[in-house]
Amino acid sequence: MHANRPNQPSPIESVIFEELHRTGACTFEELVRTLPDYSWSQVFLAVDRLSRDGLLQLKRQGRFDYLISIASKNLPACNTSLT
């Protein structure tokens, strides 16, 4: 996180992470629709902060939308051993 930001995520950042853990990657517009307690601007600012901090990944989907996912470094590691 940036030096001027607290280590604790804001309430909206926590909600965004919970939603992405629950549903997986989704477009920005889908995310906005699933968070009716927050305005489009609030979701945009939180996603912007999280992506700049490397916690979310954004991938362009078409001309005007982005696919949002949790950055792979922030996902729990999978145990792939065959023991």
N, C-alpha and C. Protein backbone atom coordinates (compact mmCIF):
# COMPACT_ATOMS: atom_id res chain seq x y z
N MET A 1 0.83 -1.18 0.00
CA MET A 1 0.00 0.00 0.00
C MET A 1 0.88 1.24 0.00
N HIS A 2 0.31 2.32 -0.43
CA HIS A 2 1.04 3.57 -0.47
C HIS A 2 1.34 4.05 0.94
N ALA A 3 2.40 4.82 1.08
CA ALA A 3 2.82 5.29 2.40
C ALA A 3 1.77 6.14 3.09
N ASN A 4 0.96 6.87 2.33
CA ASN A 4 -0.03 7.74 2.95
C ASN A 4 -1.37 7.04 3.18
N ARG A 5 -1.43 5.74 2.94
CA ARG A 5 -2.66 4.98 3.16
C ARG A 5 -2.47 4.05 4.34
N PRO A 6 -3.53 3.85 5.12
CA PRO A 6 -3.43 2.92 6.24
C PRO A 6 -3.31 1.48 5.73
N ASN A 7 -2.79 0.60 6.60
CA ASN A 7 -2.65 -0.80 6.23
C ASN A 7 -3.98 -1.52 6.15
N GLN A 8 -4.97 -1.01 6.83
CA GLN A 8 -6.29 -1.62 6.82
C GLN A 8 -7.06 -1.17 5.58
N PRO A 9 -7.71 -2.12 4.87
CA PRO A 9 -8.52 -1.72 3.72
C PRO A 9 -9.75 -0.94 4.19
N SER A 10 -10.22 -0.07 3.33
CA SER A 10 -11.45 0.66 3.63
C SER A 10 -12.63 -0.31 3.53
N PRO A 11 -13.79 0.06 4.08
CA PRO A 11 -14.95 -0.84 3.98
C PRO A 11 -15.28 -1.23 2.54
N ILE A 12 -15.24 -0.29 1.61
CA ILE A 12 -15.57 -0.63 0.23
C ILE A 12 -14.52 -1.56 -0.38
N GLU A 13 -13.25 -1.37 -0.03
CA GLU A 13 -12.21 -2.27 -0.53
C GLU A 13 -12.43 -3.69 -0.02
N SER A 14 -12.82 -3.82 1.23
CA SER A 14 -13.12 -5.15 1.78
C SER A 14 -14.29 -5.79 1.06
N VAL A 15 -15.32 -5.01 0.78
CA VAL A 15 -16.50 -5.52 0.08
C VAL A 15 -16.13 -5.97 -1.33
N ILE A 16 -15.30 -5.19 -2.01
CA ILE A 16 -14.87 -5.55 -3.36
C ILE A 16 -14.10 -6.87 -3.33
N PHE A 17 -13.18 -7.03 -2.39
CA PHE A 17 -12.43 -8.29 -2.28
C PHE A 17 -13.36 -9.46 -1.98
N GLU A 18 -14.31 -9.27 -1.06
CA GLU A 18 -15.27 -10.34 -0.74
C GLU A 18 -16.05 -10.74 -1.99
N GLU A 19 -16.51 -9.76 -2.74
CA GLU A 19 -17.29 -10.04 -3.95
C GLU A 19 -16.46 -10.77 -5.00
N LEU A 20 -15.22 -10.34 -5.20
CA LEU A 20 -14.37 -11.00 -6.19
C LEU A 20 -13.97 -12.40 -5.74
N HIS A 21 -13.80 -12.62 -4.44
CA HIS A 21 -13.54 -13.98 -3.94
C HIS A 21 -14.76 -14.86 -4.17
N ARG A 22 -15.94 -14.29 -4.01
CA ARG A 22 -17.18 -15.05 -4.15
C ARG A 22 -17.47 -15.38 -5.61
N THR A 23 -17.32 -14.40 -6.50
CA THR A 23 -17.75 -14.58 -7.89
C THR A 23 -16.63 -14.83 -8.86
N GLY A 24 -15.42 -14.48 -8.49
CA GLY A 24 -14.31 -14.55 -9.44
C GLY A 24 -14.27 -13.27 -10.25
N ALA A 25 -13.50 -13.28 -11.31
CA ALA A 25 -13.34 -12.08 -12.14
C ALA A 25 -14.68 -11.63 -12.71
N CYS A 26 -14.83 -10.32 -12.82
CA CYS A 26 -16.05 -9.76 -13.41
C CYS A 26 -15.71 -8.42 -14.03
N THR A 27 -16.62 -7.92 -14.85
CA THR A 27 -16.39 -6.62 -15.45
C THR A 27 -16.66 -5.54 -14.41
N PHE A 28 -16.17 -4.34 -14.70
CA PHE A 28 -16.40 -3.23 -13.78
C PHE A 28 -17.89 -2.98 -13.62
N GLU A 29 -18.63 -2.97 -14.71
CA GLU A 29 -20.07 -2.71 -14.63
C GLU A 29 -20.79 -3.79 -13.83
N GLU A 30 -20.37 -5.04 -13.96
CA GLU A 30 -20.96 -6.12 -13.15
C GLU A 30 -20.67 -5.88 -11.67
N LEU A 31 -19.46 -5.47 -11.37
CA LEU A 31 -19.09 -5.21 -9.98
C LEU A 31 -19.94 -4.07 -9.41
N VAL A 32 -20.10 -3.02 -10.16
CA VAL A 32 -20.92 -1.88 -9.71
C VAL A 32 -22.34 -2.35 -9.41
N ARG A 33 -22.91 -3.19 -10.27
CA ARG A 33 -24.29 -3.68 -10.06
C ARG A 33 -24.42 -4.55 -8.82
N THR A 34 -23.34 -5.24 -8.44
CA THR A 34 -23.42 -6.11 -7.25
C THR A 34 -23.19 -5.35 -5.95
N LEU A 35 -22.85 -4.06 -6.05
CA LEU A 35 -22.58 -3.24 -4.87
C LEU A 35 -23.53 -2.03 -4.82
N PRO A 36 -24.83 -2.28 -4.64
CA PRO A 36 -25.80 -1.18 -4.73
C PRO A 36 -25.68 -0.13 -3.62
N ASP A 37 -24.97 -0.46 -2.55
CA ASP A 37 -24.80 0.51 -1.46
C ASP A 37 -23.73 1.55 -1.75
N TYR A 38 -23.03 1.38 -2.87
CA TYR A 38 -21.95 2.30 -3.24
C TYR A 38 -22.22 2.90 -4.61
N SER A 39 -21.81 4.13 -4.80
CA SER A 39 -21.97 4.79 -6.10
C SER A 39 -20.92 4.27 -7.09
N TRP A 40 -21.17 4.55 -8.37
CA TRP A 40 -20.22 4.19 -9.41
C TRP A 40 -18.87 4.82 -9.10
N SER A 41 -18.87 6.07 -8.68
CA SER A 41 -17.62 6.79 -8.38
C SER A 41 -16.86 6.16 -7.22
N GLN A 42 -17.57 5.74 -6.18
CA GLN A 42 -16.91 5.12 -5.03
C GLN A 42 -16.24 3.82 -5.44
N VAL A 43 -16.94 3.01 -6.25
CA VAL A 43 -16.37 1.74 -6.71
C VAL A 43 -15.17 2.02 -7.61
N PHE A 44 -15.29 2.98 -8.51
CA PHE A 44 -14.19 3.32 -9.41
C PHE A 44 -12.95 3.73 -8.62
N LEU A 45 -13.12 4.62 -7.64
CA LEU A 45 -11.96 5.08 -6.86
C LEU A 45 -11.31 3.94 -6.08
N ALA A 46 -12.13 3.06 -5.51
CA ALA A 46 -11.57 1.94 -4.75
C ALA A 46 -10.83 0.97 -5.67
N VAL A 47 -11.42 0.65 -6.83
CA VAL A 47 -10.75 -0.24 -7.79
C VAL A 47 -9.46 0.40 -8.28
N ASP A 48 -9.48 1.69 -8.53
CA ASP A 48 -8.28 2.40 -8.96
C ASP A 48 -7.18 2.29 -7.91
N ARG A 49 -7.51 2.55 -6.65
CA ARG A 49 -6.52 2.45 -5.57
C ARG A 49 -5.97 1.03 -5.46
N LEU A 50 -6.86 0.04 -5.48
CA LEU A 50 -6.43 -1.35 -5.33
C LEU A 50 -5.57 -1.81 -6.50
N SER A 51 -5.91 -1.37 -7.69
CA SER A 51 -5.10 -1.78 -8.85
C SER A 51 -3.73 -1.09 -8.82
N ARG A 52 -3.68 0.17 -8.41
CA ARG A 52 -2.39 0.88 -8.30
C ARG A 52 -1.50 0.27 -7.22
N ASP A 53 -2.13 -0.30 -6.18
CA ASP A 53 -1.38 -0.96 -5.12
C ASP A 53 -0.99 -2.39 -5.50
N GLY A 54 -1.41 -2.85 -6.69
CA GLY A 54 -1.07 -4.20 -7.15
C GLY A 54 -1.93 -5.29 -6.56
N LEU A 55 -3.06 -4.94 -5.96
CA LEU A 55 -3.92 -5.93 -5.32
C LEU A 55 -4.99 -6.46 -6.27
N LEU A 56 -5.33 -5.68 -7.29
CA LEU A 56 -6.28 -6.11 -8.31
C LEU A 56 -5.61 -6.01 -9.67
N GLN A 57 -6.06 -6.85 -10.59
CA GLN A 57 -5.60 -6.78 -11.97
C GLN A 57 -6.77 -6.29 -12.83
N LEU A 58 -6.47 -5.44 -13.78
CA LEU A 58 -7.46 -4.95 -14.73
C LEU A 58 -7.04 -5.39 -16.12
N LYS A 59 -8.00 -5.94 -16.86
CA LYS A 59 -7.74 -6.35 -18.24
C LYS A 59 -8.84 -5.76 -19.11
N ARG A 60 -8.44 -5.05 -20.13
CA ARG A 60 -9.42 -4.38 -20.99
C ARG A 60 -10.31 -5.41 -21.69
N GLN A 61 -11.61 -5.17 -21.63
CA GLN A 61 -12.61 -6.01 -22.28
C GLN A 61 -13.38 -5.13 -23.25
N GLY A 62 -13.08 -5.20 -24.51
CA GLY A 62 -13.77 -4.34 -25.47
C GLY A 62 -13.30 -2.90 -25.34
N ARG A 63 -14.12 -1.98 -25.83
CA ARG A 63 -13.71 -0.58 -25.86
C ARG A 63 -13.88 0.14 -24.53
N PHE A 64 -14.91 -0.23 -23.77
CA PHE A 64 -15.27 0.61 -22.63
C PHE A 64 -15.36 -0.11 -21.29
N ASP A 65 -14.93 -1.33 -21.20
CA ASP A 65 -15.05 -2.03 -19.93
C ASP A 65 -13.77 -2.81 -19.63
N TYR A 66 -13.61 -3.13 -18.35
CA TYR A 66 -12.44 -3.86 -17.88
C TYR A 66 -12.87 -5.06 -17.07
N LEU A 67 -12.11 -6.14 -17.21
CA LEU A 67 -12.30 -7.32 -16.38
C LEU A 67 -11.43 -7.13 -15.15
N ILE A 68 -12.04 -7.26 -13.99
CA ILE A 68 -11.35 -7.05 -12.71
C ILE A 68 -11.17 -8.39 -12.03
N SER A 69 -9.98 -8.64 -11.54
CA SER A 69 -9.72 -9.87 -10.79
C SER A 69 -8.71 -9.57 -9.68
N ILE A 70 -8.67 -10.45 -8.72
CA ILE A 70 -7.69 -10.32 -7.65
C ILE A 70 -6.33 -10.70 -8.23
N ALA A 71 -5.33 -9.87 -7.98
CA ALA A 71 -3.99 -10.15 -8.48
C ALA A 71 -3.53 -11.51 -7.97
N SER A 72 -2.89 -12.27 -8.83
CA SER A 72 -2.52 -13.65 -8.49
C SER A 72 -1.64 -13.73 -7.24
N LYS A 73 -0.85 -12.70 -6.96
CA LYS A 73 0.00 -12.74 -5.76
C LYS A 73 -0.83 -12.63 -4.48
N ASN A 74 -2.12 -12.25 -4.60
CA ASN A 74 -2.97 -12.11 -3.44
C ASN A 74 -3.96 -13.26 -3.27
N LEU A 75 -3.86 -14.28 -4.14
CA LEU A 75 -4.71 -15.46 -4.01
C LEU A 75 -4.02 -16.49 -3.14
N PRO A 76 -4.80 -17.30 -2.42
CA PRO A 76 -4.17 -18.36 -1.63
C PRO A 76 -3.45 -19.33 -2.53
N ALA A 77 -2.31 -19.80 -2.08
CA ALA A 77 -1.53 -20.77 -2.87
C ALA A 77 -2.25 -22.10 -2.92
N CYS A 78 -2.18 -22.75 -4.07
CA CYS A 78 -2.78 -24.08 -4.22
C CYS A 78 -1.71 -25.12 -3.93
N ASN A 79 -2.10 -26.19 -3.29
CA ASN A 79 -1.19 -27.29 -3.04
C ASN A 79 -1.26 -28.22 -4.25
N THR A 80 -0.23 -28.23 -5.06
CA THR A 80 -0.24 -29.03 -6.29
C THR A 80 0.59 -30.29 -6.15
N SER A 81 1.09 -30.59 -4.96
CA SER A 81 1.90 -31.81 -4.82
C SER A 81 0.98 -33.02 -4.88
N LEU A 82 1.53 -34.13 -5.33
CA LEU A 82 0.75 -35.37 -5.48
C LEU A 82 1.07 -36.36 -4.39
N THR A 83 1.36 -35.91 -3.20
CA THR A 83 1.73 -36.82 -2.12
C THR A 83 0.52 -37.29 -1.39
